[in-house]
Amino acid sequence: MLDTYIAYGDLDKHYKYQFKSLWIIKNSPRKQIYLEYKHDFNSTINQYNESGSFDNIISNVWRMPNIPLKLYFETKRKIEILNTYHNGFNNTFTFESKDFTPYAPLPIIEKNGVPQKTIHNTEIGLETRYAQDEKFIVSNFSRKSLSDKNFIVKLYLGVGVKNIFQSDYNYVKLKLNISNKFQVDRLGSIFVRGFAGKIFGQLPYPALEIHPGNEYRYYNQNVFNLMNRYEFLSDQYIGCFVEHSMGSLFFKYIPYVRKANIRTFWNLRSVYGGLSAQNKQLNTFPNYQFSTLNNSPYIELGTGLENIFNLLRVDFVWKILPKQLPQQYIQQRHFGVFGSMKFAF
């Protein structure tokens, strides 16, 4: 499968383009090679489960007001080789090189006192993933996992390599992600995801852990919904997401309402991390101040209703910690109401 596009900006007078190729060597067990070359603005939302893209006009209508858009231009070269086994394991080898050019308000990194408009970084990675009793919906080239109710563990090892595609950094990156869903007798189900990571080396902020935030009015289950993008920075962290779906609960005792089969839930999102002194020194800027989690974890609590008209979901979210941050230029949110759509069976 080949996929490509080209665009031209009439304001910045630059071409943008991307080329992607997917070669499926074998369908069962899955073996594939993915190639990508991209020269465009980045619209990827970092998440703890997968990556998502919000780059269309409709999504920008739902952006939160008074929060500046944070963009960077990237040139990305990527090779990804997936090898799946029948026992639930798969390995993904990745070679990825990025040229990162930030736009205001994102800061520019200095190297030896000289501003570096573009940051070059090359990473070689290996991810081992195990999903218990995983099943898929498969089309010609794409497939959708149905294993969200099963035990899943992912372990990633990444190594930064200097001098490949002008890369300036050597480092080691470790990530662990574990998730499972439990059925609780008469009390619905509980989904738990735990994650942790450690980065060894002095690096600029694009190569560190930028904890995923949400600057849109719709709810994202894989990020912190009251956190801004590029707000918190870490080189070591541990956290968890918990959601307890309690079913109809007391709604089933209310006449007329019980026929609608509205369900309720509560959830917790938390992360605790830290930034080493050397990385804090490199990523201190006069016009943009990253926050760290050295002194306090980040905690969100939420509740809400789902299966409204068999489709809609409403989330009410409170930020518990940290109470207040010193930045005056970042809009800090302590409560939010989010909408989304969710098919629940």
Foldseek 3Di string as FASTA:
>chain_A
DKDKDWDADPVVRDIWMKIKDKDFPDVVVTKIKIWMWTWFKDQWFDFPPDIDGDDDPVQVVQFAPLADDWIWTKTKTKMWIWDDDPQQKIKIKMKMKMKIATDPPPDFFDDPNHTDRIAIWIKIKMKMKGAPPWDWDDDPGDIDIPRQATKMKMKMWMFIDDPDVNHDDTKIKIKIKIWHKAQDVLFGIKIKMKMWMAIGGADEQVPFDFAGEDRGQADDQGHHDQDDTQAETARIKIWMKMKGWRWCVCLCVDPPSVVLRKTKIKMKTKMAHHHDPSNLVRHDDPSDDHDYRPPHIWMKIKMWIDCRVQWKTKIKMATDPDPDDPDPSGDGDGIGIHMDTDHDD
